[in-house]
Amino acid sequence: MPAPSGRTGRPLWHWLLLGGAAAAGLLVVAVLAAIIAFQLLTRGDPQSTLEDFYTSLATTDCELFMDSTTEDFRDATGLSSCPVFEEQVGGVRGIDYEVDDRINRQGYAIFEVTESYSDGGESVEVQMRYYVRRIDGQWDLDGIEVVSEGTEPIT
């Protein structure tokens, strides 16, 4: 029989403390993984922001318009409140659009769109460029311009 070494085993509280610290560490890692997964799954899509913008025009949905555009965009277009939006956009009907090109950059996307509508019985097509920016985890329409002949293409 071997001779006792004179060392006693570690007390039970020591193992419980180590187990509790390991469990707390695993809990922190799990919470961080859940937060990261949530952020990745709710990133949204700039294309859906553009669709929401056109839907808000077609249905005169001010809440959807406000949710899909930045404050700077609303100020620049003069559509900064629901009464103004409803007055200015209330008569807009029959706008159709087709995305011709899309460029993604870090934090924003640029769409070139052919917009068609009827004005006084006459069919009109306009080339537009939309700038959709990611702000605080949400994609919002931040800028718009008419694309004319000779305008540099987006690259």
C-alpha atoms as a PDB file:
ATOM      1  CA  MET A   1       0.000   0.000   0.000  1.00  0.00           C
ATOM      2  CA  PRO A   2       1.423   3.409  -0.961  1.00  0.00           C
ATOM      3  CA  ALA A   3       2.290   5.787   1.768  1.00  0.00           C
ATOM      4  CA  PRO A   4       0.061   8.838   2.128  1.00  0.00           C
ATOM      5  CA  SER A   5       1.637  11.940   0.608  1.00  0.00           C
ATOM      6  CA  GLY A   6       0.448  14.202   3.327  1.00  0.00           C
ATOM      7  CA  ARG A   7      -1.671  16.266   0.908  1.00  0.00           C
ATOM      8  CA  THR A   8      -5.368  16.439   1.403  1.00  0.00           C
ATOM      9  CA  GLY A   9      -7.819  16.737  -1.525  1.00  0.00           C
ATOM     10  CA  ARG A  10      -9.333  20.074  -2.407  1.00  0.00           C
ATOM     11  CA  PRO A  11     -12.466  20.963  -0.498  1.00  0.00           C
ATOM     12  CA  LEU A  12     -15.869  20.672  -2.133  1.00  0.00           C
ATOM     13  CA  TRP A  13     -16.457  24.453  -2.095  1.00  0.00           C
ATOM     14  CA  HIS A  14     -13.421  24.893  -4.362  1.00  0.00           C
ATOM     15  CA  TRP A  15     -14.896  22.621  -7.051  1.00  0.00           C
ATOM     16  CA  LEU A  16     -18.298  24.292  -6.711  1.00  0.00           C
ATOM     17  CA  LEU A  17     -16.696  27.721  -7.155  1.00  0.00           C
ATOM     18  CA  LEU A  18     -14.809  26.603 -10.277  1.00  0.00           C
ATOM     19  CA  GLY A  19     -17.955  24.982 -11.706  1.00  0.00           C
ATOM     20  CA  GLY A  20     -20.004  28.131 -11.040  1.00  0.00           C
ATOM     21  CA  ALA A  21     -17.383  30.352 -12.707  1.00  0.00           C
ATOM     22  CA  ALA A  22     -17.292  28.057 -15.752  1.00  0.00           C
ATOM     23  CA  ALA A  23     -21.103  28.056 -15.978  1.00  0.00           C
ATOM     24  CA  ALA A  24     -21.186  31.865 -15.747  1.00  0.00           C
ATOM     25  CA  GLY A  25     -18.565  32.093 -18.506  1.00  0.00           C
ATOM     26  CA  LEU A  26     -20.600  29.774 -20.735  1.00  0.00           C
ATOM     27  CA  LEU A  27     -23.709  31.852 -20.048  1.00  0.00           C
ATOM     28  CA  VAL A  28     -21.921  35.062 -21.095  1.00  0.00           C
ATOM     29  CA  VAL A  29     -20.699  33.388 -24.302  1.00  0.00           C
ATOM     30  CA  ALA A  30     -24.225  32.125 -25.059  1.00  0.00           C
ATOM     31  CA  VAL A  31     -25.749  35.590 -24.530  1.00  0.00           C
ATOM     32  CA  LEU A  32     -23.154  37.204 -26.800  1.00  0.00           C
ATOM     33  CA  ALA A  33     -23.766  34.548 -29.476  1.00  0.00           C
ATOM     34  CA  ALA A  34     -27.522  35.201 -29.271  1.00  0.00           C
ATOM     35  CA  ILE A  35     -26.998  38.965 -29.638  1.00  0.00           C
ATOM     36  CA  ILE A  36     -24.736  38.496 -32.667  1.00  0.00           C
ATOM     37  CA  ALA A  37     -27.174  36.040 -34.261  1.00  0.00           C
ATOM     38  CA  PHE A  38     -30.059  38.458 -33.695  1.00  0.00           C
ATOM     39  CA  GLN A  39     -28.084  41.302 -35.305  1.00  0.00           C
ATOM     40  CA  LEU A  40     -27.250  39.153 -38.326  1.00  0.00           C
ATOM     41  CA  LEU A  41     -30.814  37.930 -38.784  1.00  0.00           C
ATOM     42  CA  THR A  42     -32.411  41.374 -38.472  1.00  0.00           C
ATOM     43  CA  ARG A  43     -30.039  43.264 -40.733  1.00  0.00           C
ATOM     44  CA  GLY A  44     -32.756  43.937 -43.236  1.00  0.00           C
ATOM     45  CA  ASP A  45     -32.330  44.449 -46.922  1.00  0.00           C
ATOM     46  CA  PRO A  46     -31.878  47.720 -48.811  1.00  0.00           C
ATOM     47  CA  GLN A  47     -34.085  46.343 -51.615  1.00  0.00           C
ATOM     48  CA  SER A  48     -37.011  45.995 -49.200  1.00  0.00           C
ATOM     49  CA  THR A  49     -36.475  49.628 -48.131  1.00  0.00           C
ATOM     50  CA  LEU A  50     -36.870  50.721 -51.747  1.00  0.00           C
ATOM     51  CA  GLU A  51     -39.989  48.542 -52.054  1.00  0.00           C
ATOM     52  CA  ASP A  52     -41.390  50.072 -48.854  1.00  0.00           C
ATOM     53  CA  PHE A  53     -40.751  53.555 -50.250  1.00  0.00           C
ATOM     54  CA  TYR A  54     -42.715  52.837 -53.439  1.00  0.00           C
ATOM     55  CA  THR A  55     -45.467  51.087 -51.453  1.00  0.00           C
ATOM     56  CA  SER A  56     -45.772  54.147 -49.215  1.00  0.00           C
ATOM     57  CA  LEU A  57     -46.224  56.343 -52.309  1.00  0.00           C
ATOM     58  CA  ALA A  58     -48.784  54.020 -53.892  1.00  0.00           C
ATOM     59  CA  THR A  59     -50.852  53.650 -50.719  1.00  0.00           C
ATOM     60  CA  THR A  60     -50.180  57.112 -49.216  1.00  0.00           C
ATOM     61  CA  ASP A  61     -48.896  55.336 -46.097  1.00  0.00           C
ATOM     62  CA  CYS A  62     -47.126  58.068 -44.139  1.00  0.00           C
ATOM     63  CA  GLU A  63     -45.969  55.765 -41.360  1.00  0.00           C
ATOM     64  CA  LEU A  64     -44.258  53.444 -43.855  1.00  0.00           C
ATOM     65  CA  PHE A  65     -42.738  56.458 -45.613  1.00  0.00           C
ATOM     66  CA  MET A  66     -41.352  57.826 -42.335  1.00  0.00           C
ATOM     67  CA  ASP A  67     -40.010  54.396 -41.387  1.00  0.00           C
ATOM     68  CA  SER A  68     -38.222  53.853 -44.723  1.00  0.00           C
ATOM     69  CA  THR A  69     -36.598  57.296 -45.120  1.00  0.00           C
ATOM     70  CA  THR A  70     -34.100  59.382 -43.163  1.00  0.00           C
ATOM     71  CA  GLU A  71     -34.943  62.730 -41.624  1.00  0.00           C
ATOM     72  CA  ASP A  72     -32.467  64.396 -43.998  1.00  0.00           C
ATOM     73  CA  PHE A  73     -34.279  62.860 -46.990  1.00  0.00           C
ATOM     74  CA  ARG A  74     -37.667  64.028 -45.715  1.00  0.00           C
ATOM     75  CA  ASP A  75     -36.345  67.540 -45.128  1.00  0.00           C
ATOM     76  CA  ALA A  76     -34.707  67.689 -48.578  1.00  0.00           C
ATOM     77  CA  THR A  77     -37.906  66.580 -50.337  1.00  0.00           C
ATOM     78  CA  GLY A  78     -40.163  68.765 -48.195  1.00  0.00           C
ATOM     79  CA  LEU A  79     -42.147  65.738 -47.003  1.00  0.00           C
ATOM     80  CA  SER A  80     -41.290  66.172 -43.348  1.00  0.00           C
ATOM     81  CA  SER A  81     -44.738  65.621 -41.818  1.00  0.00           C
ATOM     82  CA  CYS A  82     -47.703  63.345 -42.467  1.00  0.00           C
ATOM     83  CA  PRO A  83     -50.140  66.115 -43.478  1.00  0.00           C
ATOM     84  CA  VAL A  84     -47.637  67.436 -46.047  1.00  0.00           C
ATOM     85  CA  PHE A  85     -46.875  63.911 -47.269  1.00  0.00           C
ATOM     86  CA  GLU A  86     -50.557  63.057 -47.677  1.00  0.00           C
ATOM     87  CA  GLU A  87     -51.262  66.320 -49.488  1.00  0.00           C
ATOM     88  CA  GLN A  88     -48.319  66.019 -51.889  1.00  0.00           C
ATOM     89  CA  VAL A  89     -48.469  62.280 -52.540  1.00  0.00           C
ATOM     90  CA  GLY A  90     -52.210  61.688 -52.237  1.00  0.00           C
ATOM     91  CA  GLY A  91     -52.773  61.911 -55.991  1.00  0.00           C
ATOM     92  CA  VAL A  92     -49.847  59.743 -57.042  1.00  0.00           C
ATOM     93  CA  ARG A  93     -51.084  56.545 -58.642  1.00  0.00           C
ATOM     94  CA  GLY A  94     -49.784  53.978 -61.063  1.00  0.00           C
ATOM     95  CA  ILE A  95     -46.048  54.355 -60.463  1.00  0.00           C
ATOM     96  CA  ASP A  96     -44.166  51.313 -61.641  1.00  0.00           C
ATOM     97  CA  TYR A  97     -40.440  50.800 -61.223  1.00  0.00           C
ATOM     98  CA  GLU A  98     -37.746  48.390 -62.259  1.00  0.00           C
ATOM     99  CA  VAL A  99     -34.328  48.142 -60.631  1.00  0.00           C
ATOM    100  CA  ASP A 100     -31.751  48.353 -63.424  1.00  0.00           C
ATOM    101  CA  ASP A 101     -28.585  48.236 -61.339  1.00  0.00           C
ATOM    102  CA  ARG A 102     -27.561  47.869 -57.722  1.00  0.00           C
ATOM    103  CA  ILE A 103     -24.199  48.524 -56.127  1.00  0.00           C
ATOM    104  CA  ASN A 104     -23.506  47.592 -52.513  1.00  0.00           C
ATOM    105  CA  ARG A 105     -20.974  49.494 -50.467  1.00  0.00           C
ATOM    106  CA  GLN A 106     -20.125  49.223 -46.822  1.00  0.00           C
ATOM    107  CA  GLY A 107     -23.052  50.844 -45.062  1.00  0.00           C
ATOM    108  CA  TYR A 108     -25.038  51.858 -48.139  1.00  0.00           C
ATOM    109  CA  ALA A 109     -26.466  50.664 -51.443  1.00  0.00           C
ATOM    110  CA  ILE A 110     -27.121  52.563 -54.663  1.00  0.00           C
ATOM    111  CA  PHE A 111     -30.015  51.628 -56.938  1.00  0.00           C
ATOM    112  CA  GLU A 112     -30.571  52.795 -60.483  1.00  0.00           C
ATOM    113  CA  VAL A 113     -34.257  52.536 -61.237  1.00  0.00           C
ATOM    114  CA  THR A 114     -36.427  53.106 -64.272  1.00  0.00           C
ATOM    115  CA  GLU A 115     -39.625  54.665 -62.991  1.00  0.00           C
ATOM    116  CA  SER A 116     -42.682  54.780 -65.221  1.00  0.00           C
ATOM    117  CA  TYR A 117     -46.008  56.463 -64.659  1.00  0.00           C
ATOM    118  CA  SER A 118     -48.815  58.184 -66.485  1.00  0.00           C
ATOM    119  CA  ASP A 119     -49.045  61.978 -66.479  1.00  0.00           C
ATOM    120  CA  GLY A 120     -52.126  63.483 -68.101  1.00  0.00           C
ATOM    121  CA  GLY A 121     -52.674  60.356 -70.177  1.00  0.00           C
ATOM    122  CA  GLU A 122     -49.064  60.412 -71.386  1.00  0.00           C
ATOM    123  CA  SER A 123     -46.668  57.607 -70.441  1.00  0.00           C
ATOM    124  CA  VAL A 124     -43.474  58.890 -68.798  1.00  0.00           C
ATOM    125  CA  GLU A 125     -40.225  57.052 -68.001  1.00  0.00           C
ATOM    126  CA  VAL A 126     -37.590  58.542 -65.725  1.00  0.00           C
ATOM    127  CA  GLN A 127     -34.194  57.190 -64.691  1.00  0.00           C
ATOM    128  CA  MET A 128     -33.666  57.619 -60.943  1.00  0.00           C
ATOM    129  CA  ARG A 129     -30.812  56.875 -58.569  1.00  0.00           C
ATOM    130  CA  TYR A 130     -31.607  56.017 -54.950  1.00  0.00           C
ATOM    131  CA  TYR A 131     -29.129  55.970 -52.078  1.00  0.00           C
ATOM    132  CA  VAL A 132     -30.118  53.641 -49.260  1.00  0.00           C
ATOM    133  CA  ARG A 133     -28.037  53.922 -46.091  1.00  0.00           C
ATOM    134  CA  ARG A 134     -27.711  51.660 -43.074  1.00  0.00           C
ATOM    135  CA  ILE A 135     -28.278  53.660 -39.898  1.00  0.00           C
ATOM    136  CA  ASP A 136     -28.540  52.090 -36.445  1.00  0.00           C
ATOM    137  CA  GLY A 137     -29.094  48.633 -37.922  1.00  0.00           C
ATOM    138  CA  GLN A 138     -31.877  49.722 -40.277  1.00  0.00           C
ATOM    139  CA  TRP A 139     -31.792  50.530 -43.989  1.00  0.00           C
ATOM    140  CA  ASP A 140     -33.285  53.936 -44.855  1.00  0.00           C
ATOM    141  CA  LEU A 141     -33.634  55.870 -48.088  1.00  0.00           C
ATOM    142  CA  ASP A 142     -31.229  58.787 -47.723  1.00  0.00           C
ATOM    143  CA  GLY A 143     -30.923  60.344 -51.152  1.00  0.00           C
ATOM    144  CA  ILE A 144     -32.466  60.509 -54.602  1.00  0.00           C
ATOM    145  CA  GLU A 145     -31.452  62.033 -57.909  1.00  0.00           C
ATOM    146  CA  VAL A 146     -32.664  62.050 -61.482  1.00  0.00           C
ATOM    147  CA  VAL A 147     -30.173  60.387 -63.817  1.00  0.00           C
ATOM    148  CA  SER A 148     -29.777  62.451 -66.966  1.00  0.00           C
ATOM    149  CA  GLU A 149     -27.806  61.880 -70.147  1.00  0.00           C
ATOM    150  CA  GLY A 150     -24.087  61.970 -69.472  1.00  0.00           C
ATOM    151  CA  THR A 151     -24.367  61.161 -65.766  1.00  0.00           C
ATOM    152  CA  GLU A 152     -21.533  58.950 -64.575  1.00  0.00           C
ATOM    153  CA  PRO A 153     -22.655  55.331 -64.102  1.00  0.00           C
ATOM    154  CA  ILE A 154     -22.432  53.847 -60.647  1.00  0.00           C
ATOM    155  CA  THR A 155     -19.441  51.588 -60.199  1.00  0.00           C
END
